[in-house]
């Protein structure tokens, strides 16, 4: 069973950018607040917006974040400046000063009324989210947004605020591992999973702390606009383009044992040969370590076994070709190393719960 969230792309033609509102509560975490602004902000993505191409030749989609060789067969289209699909704004309960954590304060121009036009509301972690009951006005604004169809995503301890709306009853949710047991104690009707980076429940999403906020935000872009744009944003952030949602938040080690350059080179090599047969022994031999050592350290670093990672890399290349080329299913299957269209369809269904044709139609109309 795949750990990848089973969410079909939500992209639809829009006459205006998708509005993202980040709700800053007292004690808001600087990192949790800053990540969505950096990921979705128009100014932060100015270079991406000016030169954004919806196809190759450029790097292959890559679960590990390394650059790779061009994707053959995709057409190149330059998107004009000004077409960035998101606009992001930070608001508070009221306009004015928001007291943040670690001695940082923020000035916001708008209060909860800003949520009335939000397409997505993001709740960053905050000390007050755990320590205090949010005002009734916050709960009411979130419920109204949800009833309108807005997406709500909670980062870290922001899940506590979302939990108090009652919307998570009977659903899976996560938060920072250090507060997960407290979340489960306070809200026993929520299926708390402390061992994942983020959880997608459709209109409601929750993530663990700090860096996993990047994974969640990139997942939203991937769901809205496909792997091509999310990979470009990830490259700008110098972040992994994809980490499994089911990857453990924290993998304890008695002695730190990070992956070295050899492993990065091996992932690069695999992506350059993605259309060929690749075995575990091939990967370990390229890395210069035993199969057992390579497998153990690879799982710790990526959350996947090496061959699971290779399979998902093949599927990601196929996704981008489906989004941006006119190649047939059999041609794509051959180019990404899956052999036949039947294999491509099987793995698409297992990993994404959709078919290649339905996926292509979501992006090509």
Protein backbone atom coordinates (compact mmCIF):
# COMPACT_ATOMS: atom_id res chain seq x y z
CA UNK A 1 0.00 0.00 0.00
CA UNK A 2 1.46 3.37 -0.96
CA UNK A 3 2.12 6.10 1.58
CA UNK A 4 1.45 8.75 -1.04
CA UNK A 5 -1.79 10.70 -0.36
CA UNK A 6 -4.46 9.53 -2.74
CA UNK A 7 -5.51 12.96 -4.01
CA UNK A 8 -6.40 13.62 -7.64
CA UNK A 9 -5.11 16.89 -9.09
CA UNK A 10 -7.42 19.79 -8.30
CA UNK A 11 -6.32 22.03 -11.13
CA UNK A 12 -9.15 23.82 -12.89
CA UNK A 13 -9.12 26.92 -15.08
CA UNK A 14 -9.16 30.04 -12.87
CA UNK A 15 -9.79 33.69 -13.68
CA UNK A 16 -7.77 34.75 -10.62
CA UNK A 17 -4.91 33.39 -8.56
CA UNK A 18 -5.62 30.85 -5.83
CA UNK A 19 -5.79 32.87 -2.60
CA UNK A 20 -3.82 31.50 0.35
CA UNK A 21 -4.39 33.02 3.78
CA UNK A 22 -1.92 32.26 6.56
CA UNK A 23 -3.54 32.86 9.95
CA UNK A 24 -0.98 34.03 12.51
CA UNK A 25 -1.99 33.50 16.13
CA UNK A 26 -0.09 34.68 19.21
CA UNK A 27 3.15 32.79 19.64
CA UNK A 28 3.30 31.88 15.96
CA UNK A 29 6.43 30.00 14.89
CA UNK A 30 8.62 32.04 12.55
CA UNK A 31 9.46 29.01 10.42
CA UNK A 32 5.87 27.73 10.20
CA UNK A 33 4.75 31.23 9.20
CA UNK A 34 7.55 31.79 6.72
CA UNK A 35 7.41 28.50 4.82
CA UNK A 36 4.02 28.99 3.09
CA UNK A 37 4.88 32.61 2.31
CA UNK A 38 8.12 31.47 0.67
CA UNK A 39 6.58 28.52 -1.14
CA UNK A 40 3.46 30.27 -2.48
CA UNK A 41 4.52 33.93 -2.59
CA UNK A 42 4.58 35.67 -5.97
CA UNK A 43 7.69 37.72 -5.18
CA UNK A 44 9.57 34.69 -3.86
CA UNK A 45 8.77 32.86 -7.09
CA UNK A 46 9.47 35.78 -9.43
CA UNK A 47 12.27 33.96 -11.23
CA UNK A 48 10.21 30.78 -11.47
CA UNK A 49 7.28 32.79 -12.81
CA UNK A 50 9.32 34.57 -15.48
CA UNK A 51 11.07 31.53 -16.85
CA UNK A 52 8.63 28.79 -15.92
CA UNK A 53 8.40 26.08 -18.56
CA UNK A 54 5.61 23.61 -18.51
CA UNK A 55 7.78 20.94 -20.08
CA UNK A 56 11.27 19.82 -20.97
CA UNK A 57 13.97 19.61 -22.07
CA UNK A 58 14.80 20.10 -18.40
CA UNK A 59 15.38 18.01 -15.33
CA UNK A 60 13.36 14.91 -14.73
CA UNK A 61 10.98 14.93 -11.77
CA UNK A 62 12.95 13.59 -8.87
CA UNK A 63 11.85 12.29 -5.48
CA UNK A 64 15.26 13.01 -3.98
CA UNK A 65 15.80 16.57 -5.17
CA UNK A 66 18.89 15.93 -7.31
CA UNK A 67 19.00 17.34 -10.81
CA UNK A 68 18.76 14.84 -13.63
CA UNK A 69 18.77 14.57 -17.40
CA UNK A 70 16.21 16.02 -19.75
CA UNK A 71 12.88 14.32 -20.26
CA UNK A 72 12.67 13.32 -23.92
CA UNK A 73 9.53 13.96 -25.91
CA UNK A 74 8.06 16.82 -23.89
CA UNK A 75 7.28 20.15 -25.52
CA UNK A 76 8.64 23.45 -24.24
CA UNK A 77 6.25 26.30 -23.43
CA UNK A 78 7.34 29.51 -21.72
CA UNK A 79 4.68 30.90 -19.37
CA UNK A 80 4.48 34.71 -19.46
CA UNK A 81 5.41 36.73 -16.40
CA UNK A 82 2.47 37.49 -14.13
CA UNK A 83 0.97 34.04 -14.45
CA UNK A 84 2.00 32.77 -11.01
CA UNK A 85 -1.07 30.83 -9.85
CA UNK A 86 -1.07 31.80 -6.16
CA UNK A 87 -1.30 34.90 -4.03
CA UNK A 88 -0.55 34.68 -0.32
CA UNK A 89 -1.42 36.97 2.57
CA UNK A 90 -0.79 36.81 6.30
CA UNK A 91 -3.60 37.87 8.60
CA UNK A 92 -4.29 37.83 12.32
CA UNK A 93 -7.37 37.68 14.48
CA UNK A 94 -7.47 41.45 14.05
CA UNK A 95 -5.31 43.87 12.10
CA UNK A 96 -2.24 45.10 13.91
CA UNK A 97 0.49 43.45 15.94
CA UNK A 98 0.85 39.69 16.33
CA UNK A 99 3.26 38.59 19.05
CA UNK A 100 5.33 35.73 17.71
CA UNK A 101 7.61 33.21 19.36
CA UNK A 102 11.32 33.71 20.02
CA UNK A 103 10.98 37.47 20.38
CA UNK A 104 9.68 38.10 16.85
CA UNK A 105 6.56 40.21 16.34
CA UNK A 106 4.59 40.79 13.14
CA UNK A 107 2.36 43.53 11.79
CA UNK A 108 -0.63 42.41 9.72
CA UNK A 109 -3.03 44.57 7.75
CA UNK A 110 -6.13 42.39 8.04
CA UNK A 111 -8.00 40.27 10.53
CA UNK A 112 -10.28 37.26 10.23
CA UNK A 113 -12.37 38.96 7.56
CA UNK A 114 -9.57 38.04 5.13
CA UNK A 115 -10.59 34.37 5.39
CA UNK A 116 -13.88 35.13 3.66
CA UNK A 117 -12.20 35.06 0.24
CA UNK A 118 -9.55 32.40 0.96
CA UNK A 119 -9.26 29.32 -1.24
CA UNK A 120 -6.79 27.77 1.19
CA UNK A 121 -6.29 28.64 4.86
CA UNK A 122 -3.00 27.68 6.51
CA UNK A 123 -2.66 27.43 10.30
CA UNK A 124 1.00 27.69 11.35
CA UNK A 125 2.15 26.26 14.66
CA UNK A 126 1.97 28.61 17.64
CA UNK A 127 2.50 28.37 21.39
CA UNK A 128 -1.03 29.62 21.96
CA UNK A 129 -2.42 26.80 19.81
CA UNK A 130 -1.49 24.29 22.51
CA UNK A 131 -1.71 26.43 25.63
CA UNK A 132 -4.93 28.36 25.01
CA UNK A 133 -8.41 27.91 23.63
CA UNK A 134 -8.71 29.87 20.38
CA UNK A 135 -11.38 32.59 20.40
CA UNK A 136 -14.81 31.62 19.15
CA UNK A 137 -14.31 34.05 16.27
CA UNK A 138 -11.38 31.95 14.98
CA UNK A 139 -13.37 28.72 15.15
CA UNK A 140 -16.32 30.38 13.42
CA UNK A 141 -14.15 31.79 10.63
CA UNK A 142 -12.54 28.40 10.00
CA UNK A 143 -15.89 26.62 9.91
CA UNK A 144 -17.27 29.22 7.51
CA UNK A 145 -14.25 28.82 5.25
CA UNK A 146 -14.62 25.04 5.28
CA UNK A 147 -18.33 25.23 4.48
CA UNK A 148 -17.50 27.48 1.53
CA UNK A 149 -15.20 24.77 0.23
CA UNK A 150 -11.88 26.29 1.25
CA UNK A 151 -9.00 23.93 1.93
CA UNK A 152 -7.54 24.11 5.45
CA UNK A 153 -3.98 23.00 6.16
CA UNK A 154 -2.47 22.94 9.65
CA UNK A 155 1.26 22.96 10.25
CA UNK A 156 2.72 21.45 13.43
CA UNK A 157 0.76 22.58 16.51
CA UNK A 158 -1.67 24.41 14.25
CA UNK A 159 -3.44 21.04 14.21
CA UNK A 160 -4.65 21.78 17.75
CA UNK A 161 -6.61 24.78 16.43
CA UNK A 162 -8.06 22.75 13.58
CA UNK A 163 -8.96 19.98 16.03
CA UNK A 164 -11.03 22.41 18.10
CA UNK A 165 -13.32 23.07 15.13
CA UNK A 166 -14.52 19.44 15.28
CA UNK A 167 -13.68 18.95 11.61
CA UNK A 168 -11.06 16.29 12.35
CA UNK A 169 -13.40 13.96 14.25
CA UNK A 170 -12.97 10.45 12.87
CA UNK A 171 -10.15 11.55 10.56
CA UNK A 172 -6.41 10.94 10.53
CA UNK A 173 -4.21 13.84 11.55
CA UNK A 174 -0.65 14.55 12.59
CA UNK A 175 1.31 17.23 14.41
CA UNK A 176 4.84 17.69 15.69
CA UNK A 177 5.98 14.43 17.27
CA UNK A 178 6.62 16.14 20.63
CA UNK A 179 2.95 17.13 20.99
CA UNK A 180 1.30 14.17 19.24
CA UNK A 181 0.46 12.30 22.45
CA UNK A 182 -1.10 15.45 23.91
CA UNK A 183 -3.21 15.89 20.78
CA UNK A 184 -4.41 12.29 21.06
CA UNK A 185 -5.19 12.74 24.76
CA UNK A 186 -7.23 15.90 24.26
CA UNK A 187 -9.01 14.71 21.12
CA UNK A 188 -9.50 10.93 21.35
CA UNK A 189 -11.90 10.96 18.38
CA UNK A 190 -9.04 11.95 16.08
CA UNK A 191 -6.81 9.22 14.64
CA UNK A 192 -3.46 10.78 15.51
CA UNK A 193 -0.45 9.42 13.61
CA UNK A 194 2.84 10.79 14.93
CA UNK A 195 4.96 8.80 12.50
CA UNK A 196 4.28 10.67 9.26
CA UNK A 197 5.32 13.97 7.68
CA UNK A 198 1.83 15.02 6.59
CA UNK A 199 -1.66 13.67 6.02
CA UNK A 200 -4.04 14.63 3.21
CA UNK A 201 -7.70 14.10 4.06
CA UNK A 202 -8.95 15.96 1.03
CA UNK A 203 -10.19 19.37 2.18
CA UNK A 204 -8.26 19.06 5.45
CA UNK A 205 -4.51 18.55 5.68
CA UNK A 206 -2.14 18.38 8.64
CA UNK A 207 1.64 18.22 8.87
CA UNK A 208 4.37 17.62 11.38
CA UNK A 209 6.73 20.35 12.49
CA UNK A 210 9.23 22.64 10.84
CA UNK A 211 10.69 21.18 7.61
CA UNK A 212 7.64 19.02 6.90
CA UNK A 213 5.75 22.25 6.22
CA UNK A 214 7.76 22.43 2.99
CA UNK A 215 6.67 18.90 2.10
CA UNK A 216 3.03 19.80 2.73
CA UNK A 217 3.16 23.00 0.68
CA UNK A 218 4.90 21.29 -2.23
CA UNK A 219 2.25 18.56 -2.05
CA UNK A 220 -0.45 21.23 -2.47
CA UNK A 221 1.28 22.64 -5.54
CA UNK A 222 1.72 19.13 -6.91
CA UNK A 223 -1.99 18.43 -6.36
CA UNK A 224 -3.04 21.73 -7.96
CA UNK A 225 -0.60 22.04 -10.84
CA UNK A 226 1.43 18.86 -11.19
CA UNK A 227 4.95 17.71 -10.52
CA UNK A 228 6.57 20.09 -13.00
CA UNK A 229 5.77 23.27 -11.09
CA UNK A 230 6.29 21.71 -7.66
CA UNK A 231 9.74 20.48 -8.72
CA UNK A 232 10.71 23.96 -9.93
CA UNK A 233 9.68 25.49 -6.61
CA UNK A 234 11.56 22.75 -4.75
CA UNK A 235 14.70 23.52 -6.72
CA UNK A 236 14.40 27.20 -5.80
CA UNK A 237 14.05 26.24 -2.16
CA UNK A 238 16.97 23.78 -2.46
CA UNK A 239 14.56 21.22 -1.00
CA UNK A 240 13.75 17.63 -1.84
CA UNK A 241 11.09 17.70 -4.52
CA UNK A 242 9.31 14.79 -2.90
CA UNK A 243 9.46 13.00 0.42
CA UNK A 244 6.98 10.31 1.27
CA UNK A 245 4.07 11.57 3.36
CA UNK A 246 4.45 8.37 5.34
CA UNK A 247 8.12 8.92 6.08
CA UNK A 248 8.86 8.94 9.80
CA UNK A 249 9.21 12.40 11.37
CA UNK A 250 12.15 11.28 13.44
CA UNK A 251 14.41 8.31 12.85
CA UNK A 252 16.52 7.74 16.00
CA UNK A 253 20.14 6.76 15.48
CA UNK A 254 22.71 6.00 18.13
CA UNK A 255 25.40 7.52 15.89
CA UNK A 256 24.58 9.98 13.07
CA UNK A 257 25.09 8.25 9.75
CA UNK A 258 24.08 10.64 7.00
CA UNK A 259 24.13 9.74 3.33
CA UNK A 260 27.23 11.00 1.61
CA UNK A 261 27.96 12.24 -1.88
CA UNK A 262 28.18 8.68 -3.19
CA UNK A 263 24.50 8.15 -2.44
CA UNK A 264 23.51 11.44 -4.06
CA UNK A 265 25.54 10.43 -7.10
CA UNK A 266 23.78 7.07 -7.13
CA UNK A 267 20.35 8.65 -7.12
CA UNK A 268 21.50 10.94 -9.94
CA UNK A 269 22.79 7.93 -11.84
CA UNK A 270 19.49 6.10 -11.39
CA UNK A 271 17.55 9.06 -12.76
CA UNK A 272 19.82 9.30 -15.77
CA UNK A 273 19.12 5.61 -16.48
CA UNK A 274 15.45 5.65 -15.48
CA UNK A 275 14.39 4.09 -18.77
CA UNK A 276 16.64 1.08 -18.24
CA UNK A 277 16.53 -1.97 -15.99
CA UNK A 278 17.91 -1.01 -12.56
CA UNK A 279 18.49 -3.56 -9.81
CA UNK A 280 19.32 -3.19 -6.15
CA UNK A 281 22.74 -4.67 -6.81
CA UNK A 282 23.31 -2.06 -9.52
CA UNK A 283 22.53 0.74 -7.06
CA UNK A 284 24.67 -0.67 -4.27
CA UNK A 285 27.56 -1.33 -6.63
CA UNK A 286 27.40 2.25 -7.92
CA UNK A 287 27.39 3.52 -4.34
CA UNK A 288 30.32 1.30 -3.45
CA UNK A 289 28.71 -0.33 -0.42
CA UNK A 290 27.05 -3.64 0.33
CA UNK A 291 23.42 -4.22 -0.63
CA UNK A 292 22.47 -4.46 3.04
CA UNK A 293 24.18 -1.19 4.03
CA UNK A 294 22.82 0.65 1.01
CA UNK A 295 19.26 -0.53 1.66
CA UNK A 296 19.34 0.42 5.35
CA UNK A 297 20.77 3.88 4.85
CA UNK A 298 18.59 4.61 1.84
CA UNK A 299 15.40 3.91 3.83
CA UNK A 300 16.58 6.13 6.68
CA UNK A 301 17.24 9.01 4.30
CA UNK A 302 14.23 8.82 2.00
CA UNK A 303 11.53 6.79 3.74
CA UNK A 304 11.52 4.34 0.84
CA UNK A 305 13.37 1.17 -0.02
CA UNK A 306 15.68 1.76 -3.01
CA UNK A 307 13.42 -0.07 -5.44
CA UNK A 308 10.31 1.72 -4.15
CA UNK A 309 12.13 4.98 -4.78
CA UNK A 310 13.08 3.90 -8.32
CA UNK A 311 9.46 2.94 -9.03
CA UNK A 312 8.17 6.29 -7.83
CA UNK A 313 10.83 8.08 -9.84
CA UNK A 314 9.60 6.21 -12.92
CA UNK A 315 6.01 7.19 -12.12
CA UNK A 316 6.99 10.83 -11.58
CA UNK A 317 8.72 10.98 -14.96
CA UNK A 318 5.58 9.46 -16.47
CA UNK A 319 3.42 12.05 -14.70
CA UNK A 320 5.40 14.89 -16.20
CA UNK A 321 5.28 13.38 -19.66
CA UNK A 322 1.52 12.94 -19.33
CA UNK A 323 1.17 16.56 -18.28
CA UNK A 324 3.40 18.06 -20.93
CA UNK A 325 3.73 15.81 -23.98
CA UNK A 326 1.61 14.10 -26.61
CA UNK A 327 3.39 10.75 -26.26
CA UNK A 328 1.16 7.69 -26.11
CA UNK A 329 0.85 5.52 -23.02
CA UNK A 330 2.99 2.74 -24.48
CA UNK A 331 5.72 5.23 -25.50
CA UNK A 332 5.77 6.75 -22.02
CA UNK A 333 5.88 3.36 -20.35
CA UNK A 334 8.88 2.43 -22.47
CA UNK A 335 10.70 5.72 -21.83
CA UNK A 336 10.36 5.49 -18.04
CA UNK A 337 11.41 1.87 -17.80
CA UNK A 338 8.03 0.33 -17.00
CA UNK A 339 7.96 -1.66 -20.20
CA UNK A 340 4.29 -1.75 -21.13
CA UNK A 341 1.22 0.41 -20.86
CA UNK A 342 -0.35 -2.26 -18.68
CA UNK A 343 2.49 -1.90 -16.15
CA UNK A 344 2.18 1.88 -16.21
CA UNK A 345 -1.56 1.67 -15.59
CA UNK A 346 -1.09 -0.80 -12.74
CA UNK A 347 1.47 1.33 -10.92
CA UNK A 348 -0.52 4.53 -11.50
CA UNK A 349 -3.56 2.88 -9.95
CA UNK A 350 -1.59 1.53 -6.98
CA UNK A 351 0.29 4.76 -6.25
CA UNK A 352 -2.11 7.50 -7.39
CA UNK A 353 -5.49 5.74 -7.48
CA UNK A 354 -6.13 6.97 -11.00
CA UNK A 355 -5.35 5.96 -14.57
CA UNK A 356 -2.76 7.62 -16.83
CA UNK A 357 -5.48 8.84 -19.18
CA UNK A 358 -7.54 10.38 -16.38
CA UNK A 359 -4.41 11.99 -14.98
CA UNK A 360 -3.55 13.48 -18.38
CA UNK A 361 -7.07 14.83 -18.83
CA UNK A 362 -6.83 16.60 -15.47
CA UNK A 363 -3.95 18.66 -16.84
CA UNK A 364 -4.69 18.96 -20.54
CA UNK A 365 -8.43 19.53 -20.42
